[in-house]
Amino acid sequence: MGKIIAIANQKGGVGKTTTAINLAASLAALEKTVLVVDADPQANASSGLGIDVGKVSSSLYECLINDDDARGALKSTELGNLSVLPSHIDLAGAEPELFNMDNREKIMRKVIEPLKDDFDFILIDCSPSLGLITVNALTAADSVIIPVQCEYFALEGLGKLLNTIRIIKSRLNPSLEVEGFLMTMYDSRLRVANQVYEDVRKSFSDMLFTTVIQRNITLVESSSFGQPALLYDAESKGSANYMQLAQELIEKNR
């Protein structure tokens, strides 16, 4: 049975989608079967894995609101054992519709749970908010990866996120755990990057991934070409970082 991991932080621009795309591709390259669930209305994880979101007829939105079968909505990628449950701009309007549904926090769990036997890892790319869609993702997940950008204000809002996780754990999903904090956009030449890393290490040492994602232009370029860094430039630092993260995640979950 696969593991469902949400990638969440209500702060934007911290590398959630970059992590979803590249960690998924690296896990797939290591012969794991992987599904990316794109739970962000911007649909960047979908397009970053080569899905033409303009041609998507069934997405996470239809699965949540219309009870579409998720298996029928899955899209394949260039990597044979990596699939995507794509997003669509319609997802932006899903929260008011979910609000009036029974067990509204558990709709995504109902969508994703039947897929657990089909994949080794299911990664949910969350939007930069703590709204009902993200609450659904955390309620469906076994654990959460929290990307933290190595810049000023990186720790801002982390307390709120951890409090939300605690509330969801106590009320909706007792098995939810923090998989780890992931430092992203790290540049060792910058004093602030080293200071933020030290602050996070001191505060969350037992929950911090050993792998650090360094600032790398390939990670930016590759997604604009609809590819993970692994396919765009396998020799890049970004690709190597995410391969190391995938290996660390696999080892952690043996």
C-alpha atoms as a PDB file:
ATOM      1  CA  MET A   1       0.000   0.000   0.000  1.00  0.00           C
ATOM      2  CA  GLY A   2       1.328   3.410  -0.978  1.00  0.00           C
ATOM      3  CA  LYS A   3       2.051   6.417   1.205  1.00  0.00           C
ATOM      4  CA  ILE A   4       0.206   9.707   0.716  1.00  0.00           C
ATOM      5  CA  ILE A   5       2.392  12.765   1.335  1.00  0.00           C
ATOM      6  CA  ALA A   6       1.075  16.317   1.192  1.00  0.00           C
ATOM      7  CA  ILE A   7       3.557  19.051   0.274  1.00  0.00           C
ATOM      8  CA  ALA A   8       2.273  22.093   2.117  1.00  0.00           C
ATOM      9  CA  ASN A   9       3.135  25.590   3.312  1.00  0.00           C
ATOM     10  CA  GLN A  10       0.666  28.470   3.157  1.00  0.00           C
ATOM     11  CA  LYS A  11       3.544  30.781   2.235  1.00  0.00           C
ATOM     12  CA  GLY A  12       3.868  31.129  -1.537  1.00  0.00           C
ATOM     13  CA  GLY A  13       7.094  30.775  -3.503  1.00  0.00           C
ATOM     14  CA  VAL A  14       8.801  28.294  -1.188  1.00  0.00           C
ATOM     15  CA  GLY A  15       9.174  25.473  -3.715  1.00  0.00           C
ATOM     16  CA  LYS A  16       6.104  23.291  -3.113  1.00  0.00           C
ATOM     17  CA  THR A  17       5.343  22.670  -6.777  1.00  0.00           C
ATOM     18  CA  THR A  18       9.021  22.381  -7.735  1.00  0.00           C
ATOM     19  CA  THR A  19       9.363  19.758  -5.002  1.00  0.00           C
ATOM     20  CA  ALA A  20       6.231  17.874  -6.083  1.00  0.00           C
ATOM     21  CA  ILE A  21       7.399  17.708  -9.707  1.00  0.00           C
ATOM     22  CA  ASN A  22      11.042  16.836  -9.101  1.00  0.00           C
ATOM     23  CA  LEU A  23      10.666  14.549  -6.096  1.00  0.00           C
ATOM     24  CA  ALA A  24       8.015  12.597  -8.002  1.00  0.00           C
ATOM     25  CA  ALA A  25      10.252  12.276 -11.067  1.00  0.00           C
ATOM     26  CA  SER A  26      13.217  11.166  -8.956  1.00  0.00           C
ATOM     27  CA  LEU A  27      11.132   8.550  -7.126  1.00  0.00           C
ATOM     28  CA  ALA A  28       9.893   7.305 -10.503  1.00  0.00           C
ATOM     29  CA  ALA A  29      13.485   7.112 -11.791  1.00  0.00           C
ATOM     30  CA  LEU A  30      14.263   4.964  -8.750  1.00  0.00           C
ATOM     31  CA  GLU A  31      11.580   2.540  -9.956  1.00  0.00           C
ATOM     32  CA  LYS A  32       8.816   3.609  -7.593  1.00  0.00           C
ATOM     33  CA  THR A  33       5.283   4.039  -8.909  1.00  0.00           C
ATOM     34  CA  VAL A  34       4.238   7.624  -8.217  1.00  0.00           C
ATOM     35  CA  LEU A  35       1.124   9.774  -8.519  1.00  0.00           C
ATOM     36  CA  VAL A  36       1.120  13.566  -8.261  1.00  0.00           C
ATOM     37  CA  VAL A  37      -2.242  14.982  -7.157  1.00  0.00           C
ATOM     38  CA  ASP A  38      -2.356  18.622  -8.228  1.00  0.00           C
ATOM     39  CA  ALA A  39      -4.458  20.365  -5.564  1.00  0.00           C
ATOM     40  CA  ASP A  40      -3.555  23.901  -6.642  1.00  0.00           C
ATOM     41  CA  PRO A  41      -5.939  25.754  -9.016  1.00  0.00           C
ATOM     42  CA  GLN A  42      -2.902  27.244 -10.796  1.00  0.00           C
ATOM     43  CA  ALA A  43      -2.214  23.697 -12.086  1.00  0.00           C
ATOM     44  CA  ASN A  44       1.550  24.310 -12.273  1.00  0.00           C
ATOM     45  CA  ALA A  45       2.418  20.771 -11.169  1.00  0.00           C
ATOM     46  CA  SER A  46       0.268  19.442 -14.024  1.00  0.00           C
ATOM     47  CA  SER A  47       1.790  21.685 -16.694  1.00  0.00           C
ATOM     48  CA  GLY A  48       5.263  21.181 -15.207  1.00  0.00           C
ATOM     49  CA  LEU A  49       4.898  17.466 -15.897  1.00  0.00           C
ATOM     50  CA  GLY A  50       3.839  17.993 -19.495  1.00  0.00           C
ATOM     51  CA  ILE A  51       0.039  17.942 -19.101  1.00  0.00           C
ATOM     52  CA  ASP A  52      -1.879  20.321 -21.370  1.00  0.00           C
ATOM     53  CA  VAL A  53      -4.332  21.589 -18.754  1.00  0.00           C
ATOM     54  CA  GLY A  54      -6.409  23.319 -21.418  1.00  0.00           C
ATOM     55  CA  LYS A  55      -7.367  19.892 -22.786  1.00  0.00           C
ATOM     56  CA  VAL A  56      -8.159  18.277 -19.431  1.00  0.00           C
ATOM     57  CA  SER A  57     -11.815  17.202 -19.306  1.00  0.00           C
ATOM     58  CA  SER A  58     -11.724  15.445 -15.923  1.00  0.00           C
ATOM     59  CA  SER A  59      -9.558  16.838 -13.129  1.00  0.00           C
ATOM     60  CA  LEU A  60      -9.358  16.829  -9.346  1.00  0.00           C
ATOM     61  CA  TYR A  61     -12.235  19.331  -9.361  1.00  0.00           C
ATOM     62  CA  GLU A  62     -14.614  16.875 -11.066  1.00  0.00           C
ATOM     63  CA  CYS A  63     -13.484  14.103  -8.711  1.00  0.00           C
ATOM     64  CA  LEU A  64     -14.189  16.236  -5.641  1.00  0.00           C
ATOM     65  CA  ILE A  65     -17.417  17.915  -6.742  1.00  0.00           C
ATOM     66  CA  ASN A  66     -18.990  15.534  -9.269  1.00  0.00           C
ATOM     67  CA  ASP A  67     -17.674  12.280  -7.792  1.00  0.00           C
ATOM     68  CA  ASP A  68     -15.819  11.377 -11.023  1.00  0.00           C
ATOM     69  CA  ASP A  69     -13.719   8.221 -10.789  1.00  0.00           C
ATOM     70  CA  ALA A  70     -10.130   9.353 -10.140  1.00  0.00           C
ATOM     71  CA  ARG A  71      -8.687   6.496 -12.192  1.00  0.00           C
ATOM     72  CA  GLY A  72     -10.420   7.866 -15.270  1.00  0.00           C
ATOM     73  CA  ALA A  73      -8.884  11.290 -14.664  1.00  0.00           C
ATOM     74  CA  LEU A  74      -5.247  10.149 -14.390  1.00  0.00           C
ATOM     75  CA  LYS A  75      -2.780  11.338 -17.011  1.00  0.00           C
ATOM     76  CA  SER A  76       0.500   9.642 -17.931  1.00  0.00           C
ATOM     77  CA  THR A  77       3.849  11.444 -18.238  1.00  0.00           C
ATOM     78  CA  GLU A  78       7.164  10.947 -20.032  1.00  0.00           C
ATOM     79  CA  LEU A  79       8.263   8.795 -17.104  1.00  0.00           C
ATOM     80  CA  GLY A  80       6.359   5.533 -17.420  1.00  0.00           C
ATOM     81  CA  ASN A  81       5.614   4.978 -13.732  1.00  0.00           C
ATOM     82  CA  LEU A  82       4.710   8.602 -12.938  1.00  0.00           C
ATOM     83  CA  SER A  83       1.073   9.704 -13.320  1.00  0.00           C
ATOM     84  CA  VAL A  84      -0.805  12.931 -12.572  1.00  0.00           C
ATOM     85  CA  LEU A  85      -4.283  13.648 -11.264  1.00  0.00           C
ATOM     86  CA  PRO A  86      -4.392  17.095 -12.868  1.00  0.00           C
ATOM     87  CA  SER A  87      -5.824  20.353 -11.608  1.00  0.00           C
ATOM     88  CA  HIS A  88      -7.876  22.964 -13.408  1.00  0.00           C
ATOM     89  CA  ILE A  89      -8.722  26.617 -12.780  1.00  0.00           C
ATOM     90  CA  ASP A  90     -12.224  25.419 -11.796  1.00  0.00           C
ATOM     91  CA  LEU A  91     -10.669  24.175  -8.547  1.00  0.00           C
ATOM     92  CA  ALA A  92     -10.474  27.823  -7.433  1.00  0.00           C
ATOM     93  CA  GLY A  93     -14.259  27.766  -7.014  1.00  0.00           C
ATOM     94  CA  ALA A  94     -14.450  24.387  -5.300  1.00  0.00           C
ATOM     95  CA  GLU A  95     -14.290  25.572  -1.683  1.00  0.00           C
ATOM     96  CA  PRO A  96     -17.783  27.143  -1.559  1.00  0.00           C
ATOM     97  CA  GLU A  97     -19.195  23.986  -3.184  1.00  0.00           C
ATOM     98  CA  LEU A  98     -17.370  21.702  -0.732  1.00  0.00           C
ATOM     99  CA  PHE A  99     -18.549  23.800   2.204  1.00  0.00           C
ATOM    100  CA  ASN A 100     -22.118  22.463   1.975  1.00  0.00           C
ATOM    101  CA  MET A 101     -21.141  18.808   1.461  1.00  0.00           C
ATOM    102  CA  ASP A 102     -21.269  16.144   4.168  1.00  0.00           C
ATOM    103  CA  ASN A 103     -17.839  15.356   5.681  1.00  0.00           C
ATOM    104  CA  ARG A 104     -16.466  18.246   3.635  1.00  0.00           C
ATOM    105  CA  GLU A 105     -12.924  17.837   5.035  1.00  0.00           C
ATOM    106  CA  LYS A 106     -12.755  14.193   3.927  1.00  0.00           C
ATOM    107  CA  ILE A 107     -13.833  14.400   0.284  1.00  0.00           C
ATOM    108  CA  MET A 108     -10.263  14.225  -1.062  1.00  0.00           C
ATOM    109  CA  ARG A 109      -9.511  11.202   1.105  1.00  0.00           C
ATOM    110  CA  LYS A 110     -12.502   9.449  -0.498  1.00  0.00           C
ATOM    111  CA  VAL A 111     -11.072  10.306  -3.952  1.00  0.00           C
ATOM    112  CA  ILE A 112      -7.468   9.240  -3.271  1.00  0.00           C
ATOM    113  CA  GLU A 113      -7.740   6.274  -0.870  1.00  0.00           C
ATOM    114  CA  PRO A 114      -8.818   3.792  -3.611  1.00  0.00           C
ATOM    115  CA  LEU A 115      -5.562   4.603  -5.462  1.00  0.00           C
ATOM    116  CA  LYS A 116      -3.215   3.735  -2.575  1.00  0.00           C
ATOM    117  CA  ASP A 117      -2.768   0.149  -3.733  1.00  0.00           C
ATOM    118  CA  ASP A 118      -1.756   1.321  -7.231  1.00  0.00           C
ATOM    119  CA  PHE A 119       1.192   3.523  -6.213  1.00  0.00           C
ATOM    120  CA  ASP A 120       4.200   3.458  -3.901  1.00  0.00           C
ATOM    121  CA  PHE A 121       3.961   7.213  -3.285  1.00  0.00           C
ATOM    122  CA  ILE A 122       1.136   9.713  -3.809  1.00  0.00           C
ATOM    123  CA  LEU A 123       2.325  13.344  -3.560  1.00  0.00           C
ATOM    124  CA  ILE A 124      -0.278  16.101  -3.127  1.00  0.00           C
ATOM    125  CA  ASP A 125       0.841  19.543  -4.294  1.00  0.00           C
ATOM    126  CA  CYS A 126      -1.086  21.987  -2.083  1.00  0.00           C
ATOM    127  CA  SER A 127      -1.964  25.578  -2.866  1.00  0.00           C
ATOM    128  CA  PRO A 128      -0.392  28.421  -0.835  1.00  0.00           C
ATOM    129  CA  SER A 129      -3.274  28.675   1.635  1.00  0.00           C
ATOM    130  CA  LEU A 130      -4.780  26.895   4.613  1.00  0.00           C
ATOM    131  CA  GLY A 131      -8.236  26.770   3.042  1.00  0.00           C
ATOM    132  CA  LEU A 132     -10.602  23.836   2.761  1.00  0.00           C
ATOM    133  CA  ILE A 133      -8.753  22.212  -0.177  1.00  0.00           C
ATOM    134  CA  THR A 134      -5.500  22.151   1.796  1.00  0.00           C
ATOM    135  CA  VAL A 135      -7.354  20.871   4.878  1.00  0.00           C
ATOM    136  CA  ASN A 136      -8.728  18.102   2.632  1.00  0.00           C
ATOM    137  CA  ALA A 137      -5.206  17.279   1.450  1.00  0.00           C
ATOM    138  CA  LEU A 138      -3.860  17.080   5.013  1.00  0.00           C
ATOM    139  CA  THR A 139      -6.834  14.957   6.075  1.00  0.00           C
ATOM    140  CA  ALA A 140      -6.131  12.552   3.201  1.00  0.00           C
ATOM    141  CA  ALA A 141      -2.362  12.392   3.807  1.00  0.00           C
ATOM    142  CA  ASP A 142      -0.260  10.061   5.920  1.00  0.00           C
ATOM    143  CA  SER A 143       2.395  12.757   6.308  1.00  0.00           C
ATOM    144  CA  VAL A 144       3.397  16.228   5.179  1.00  0.00           C
ATOM    145  CA  ILE A 145       6.611  17.642   3.713  1.00  0.00           C
ATOM    146  CA  ILE A 146       7.051  21.330   4.574  1.00  0.00           C
ATOM    147  CA  PRO A 147       9.344  23.225   2.162  1.00  0.00           C
ATOM    148  CA  VAL A 148      11.055  26.214   3.810  1.00  0.00           C
ATOM    149  CA  GLN A 149      12.738  28.861   1.670  1.00  0.00           C
ATOM    150  CA  CYS A 150      16.190  29.956   2.866  1.00  0.00           C
ATOM    151  CA  GLU A 151      15.272  33.648   2.946  1.00  0.00           C
ATOM    152  CA  TYR A 152      14.000  36.297   5.352  1.00  0.00           C
ATOM    153  CA  PHE A 153      10.525  35.635   6.781  1.00  0.00           C
ATOM    154  CA  ALA A 154      10.922  31.911   6.060  1.00  0.00           C
ATOM    155  CA  LEU A 155       9.745  31.002   9.555  1.00  0.00           C
ATOM    156  CA  GLU A 156       6.810  33.394   9.317  1.00  0.00           C
ATOM    157  CA  GLY A 157       3.594  31.391   9.357  1.00  0.00           C
ATOM    158  CA  LEU A 158       5.237  28.057  10.196  1.00  0.00           C
ATOM    159  CA  GLY A 159       3.673  28.181  13.669  1.00  0.00           C
ATOM    160  CA  LYS A 160       0.232  28.619  12.106  1.00  0.00           C
ATOM    161  CA  LEU A 161       0.836  25.710   9.734  1.00  0.00           C
ATOM    162  CA  LEU A 162       2.025  23.435  12.547  1.00  0.00           C
ATOM    163  CA  ASN A 163      -1.006  24.432  14.621  1.00  0.00           C
ATOM    164  CA  THR A 164      -3.283  23.555  11.685  1.00  0.00           C
ATOM    165  CA  ILE A 165      -1.546  20.179  11.402  1.00  0.00           C
ATOM    166  CA  ARG A 166      -2.062  19.605  15.140  1.00  0.00           C
ATOM    167  CA  ILE A 167      -5.773  20.443  14.858  1.00  0.00           C
ATOM    168  CA  ILE A 168      -6.229  18.139  11.844  1.00  0.00           C
ATOM    169  CA  LYS A 169      -4.341  15.376  13.675  1.00  0.00           C
ATOM    170  CA  SER A 170      -6.555  15.707  16.754  1.00  0.00           C
ATOM    171  CA  ARG A 171      -9.898  16.072  14.963  1.00  0.00           C
ATOM    172  CA  LEU A 172      -9.723  14.584  11.473  1.00  0.00           C
ATOM    173  CA  ASN A 173      -6.613  12.483  10.822  1.00  0.00           C
ATOM    174  CA  PRO A 174      -4.936  10.945  13.898  1.00  0.00           C
ATOM    175  CA  SER A 175      -2.230   9.276  11.791  1.00  0.00           C
ATOM    176  CA  LEU A 176      -0.949  12.521  10.199  1.00  0.00           C
ATOM    177  CA  GLU A 177       2.771  13.098  10.813  1.00  0.00           C
ATOM    178  CA  VAL A 178       5.354  15.633   9.669  1.00  0.00           C
ATOM    179  CA  GLU A 179       7.547  13.771   7.167  1.00  0.00           C
ATOM    180  CA  GLY A 180      10.109  16.543   7.355  1.00  0.00           C
ATOM    181  CA  PHE A 181      11.068  20.151   6.794  1.00  0.00           C
ATOM    182  CA  LEU A 182      12.858  20.654   3.476  1.00  0.00           C
ATOM    183  CA  MET A 183      15.190  23.618   3.030  1.00  0.00           C
ATOM    184  CA  THR A 184      14.838  25.060  -0.481  1.00  0.00           C
ATOM    185  CA  MET A 185      16.529  27.765  -2.605  1.00  0.00           C
ATOM    186  CA  TYR A 186      19.680  27.517  -0.500  1.00  0.00           C
ATOM    187  CA  ASP A 187      22.703  29.601  -1.515  1.00  0.00           C
ATOM    188  CA  SER A 188      25.697  28.988   0.753  1.00  0.00           C
ATOM    189  CA  ARG A 189      27.222  32.349  -0.281  1.00  0.00           C
ATOM    190  CA  LEU A 190      24.402  34.268   1.407  1.00  0.00           C
ATOM    191  CA  ARG A 191      24.603  34.958   5.119  1.00  0.00           C
ATOM    192  CA  VAL A 192      20.810  35.003   5.430  1.00  0.00           C
ATOM    193  CA  ALA A 193      20.517  31.547   3.855  1.00  0.00           C
ATOM    194  CA  ASN A 194      22.969  30.105   6.377  1.00  0.00           C
ATOM    195  CA  GLN A 195      21.209  31.900   9.248  1.00  0.00           C
ATOM    196  CA  VAL A 196      17.768  30.606   8.239  1.00  0.00           C
ATOM    197  CA  TYR A 197      19.133  27.087   7.866  1.00  0.00           C
ATOM    198  CA  GLU A 198      20.635  27.260  11.363  1.00  0.00           C
ATOM    199  CA  ASP A 199      17.387  28.636  12.824  1.00  0.00           C
ATOM    200  CA  VAL A 200      15.353  25.800  11.313  1.00  0.00           C
ATOM    201  CA  ARG A 201      17.940  23.207  12.330  1.00  0.00           C
ATOM    202  CA  LYS A 202      17.838  24.417  15.931  1.00  0.00           C
ATOM    203  CA  SER A 203      14.036  24.522  16.036  1.00  0.00           C
ATOM    204  CA  PHE A 204      13.203  21.333  14.107  1.00  0.00           C
ATOM    205  CA  SER A 205      16.429  19.291  14.045  1.00  0.00           C
ATOM    206  CA  ASP A 206      14.685  15.937  14.452  1.00  0.00           C
ATOM    207  CA  MET A 207      12.290  16.730  11.577  1.00  0.00           C
ATOM    208  CA  LEU A 208      14.738  18.299   9.098  1.00  0.00           C
ATOM    209  CA  PHE A 209      15.688  16.448   5.918  1.00  0.00           C
ATOM    210  CA  THR A 210      19.433  16.010   5.497  1.00  0.00           C
ATOM    211  CA  THR A 211      19.014  16.950   1.837  1.00  0.00           C
ATOM    212  CA  VAL A 212      19.068  20.675   1.047  1.00  0.00           C
ATOM    213  CA  ILE A 213      17.718  21.971  -2.275  1.00  0.00           C
ATOM    214  CA  GLN A 214      20.156  24.525  -3.627  1.00  0.00           C
ATOM    215  CA  ARG A 215      19.143  27.514  -5.711  1.00  0.00           C
ATOM    216  CA  ASN A 216      19.419  26.301  -9.313  1.00  0.00           C
ATOM    217  CA  ILE A 217      18.238  27.873 -12.575  1.00  0.00           C
ATOM    218  CA  THR A 218      17.522  24.455 -14.099  1.00  0.00           C
ATOM    219  CA  LEU A 219      14.676  23.935 -11.621  1.00  0.00           C
ATOM    220  CA  VAL A 220      13.062  27.130 -12.946  1.00  0.00           C
ATOM    221  CA  GLU A 221      13.741  26.498 -16.622  1.00  0.00           C
ATOM    222  CA  SER A 222      12.701  22.849 -16.710  1.00  0.00           C
ATOM    223  CA  SER A 223       9.153  23.399 -15.456  1.00  0.00           C
ATOM    224  CA  SER A 224       8.538  26.028 -18.140  1.00  0.00           C
ATOM    225  CA  PHE A 225       9.359  23.295 -20.679  1.00  0.00           C
ATOM    226  CA  GLY A 226       6.906  20.886 -19.046  1.00  0.00           C
ATOM    227  CA  GLN A 227       9.643  18.613 -17.720  1.00  0.00           C
ATOM    228  CA  PRO A 228      11.203  17.743 -14.379  1.00  0.00           C
ATOM    229  CA  ALA A 229      14.872  18.699 -14.049  1.00  0.00           C
ATOM    230  CA  LEU A 230      15.803  15.026 -14.361  1.00  0.00           C
ATOM    231  CA  LEU A 231      14.641  14.976 -17.990  1.00  0.00           C
ATOM    232  CA  TYR A 232      15.639  18.549 -18.833  1.00  0.00           C
ATOM    233  CA  ASP A 233      19.203  18.319 -17.483  1.00  0.00           C
ATOM    234  CA  ALA A 234      20.030  15.202 -15.499  1.00  0.00           C
ATOM    235  CA  GLU A 235      23.497  16.566 -14.651  1.00  0.00           C
ATOM    236  CA  SER A 236      22.183  19.724 -12.985  1.00  0.00           C
ATOM    237  CA  LYS A 237      22.589  20.459  -9.298  1.00  0.00           C
ATOM    238  CA  GLY A 238      18.802  20.685  -8.902  1.00  0.00           C
ATOM    239  CA  SER A 239      18.300  17.239 -10.393  1.00  0.00           C
ATOM    240  CA  ALA A 240      20.990  15.778  -8.117  1.00  0.00           C
ATOM    241  CA  ASN A 241      19.454  17.411  -5.028  1.00  0.00           C
ATOM    242  CA  TYR A 242      16.016  15.934  -5.687  1.00  0.00           C
ATOM    243  CA  MET A 243      17.465  12.516  -6.457  1.00  0.00           C
ATOM    244  CA  GLN A 244      19.186  12.646  -3.078  1.00  0.00           C
ATOM    245  CA  LEU A 245      15.892  13.657  -1.446  1.00  0.00           C
ATOM    246  CA  ALA A 246      14.089  10.753  -3.116  1.00  0.00           C
ATOM    247  CA  GLN A 247      16.701   8.324  -1.836  1.00  0.00           C
ATOM    248  CA  GLU A 248      16.416   9.806   1.663  1.00  0.00           C
ATOM    249  CA  LEU A 249      12.608   9.500   1.578  1.00  0.00           C
ATOM    250  CA  ILE A 250      12.749   5.891   0.406  1.00  0.00           C
ATOM    251  CA  GLU A 251      15.268   5.004   3.114  1.00  0.00           C
ATOM    252  CA  LYS A 252      13.138   6.736   5.745  1.00  0.00           C
ATOM    253  CA  ASN A 253      10.102   4.701   4.721  1.00  0.00           C
ATOM    254  CA  ARG A 254      11.655   1.259   4.431  1.00  0.00           C
END
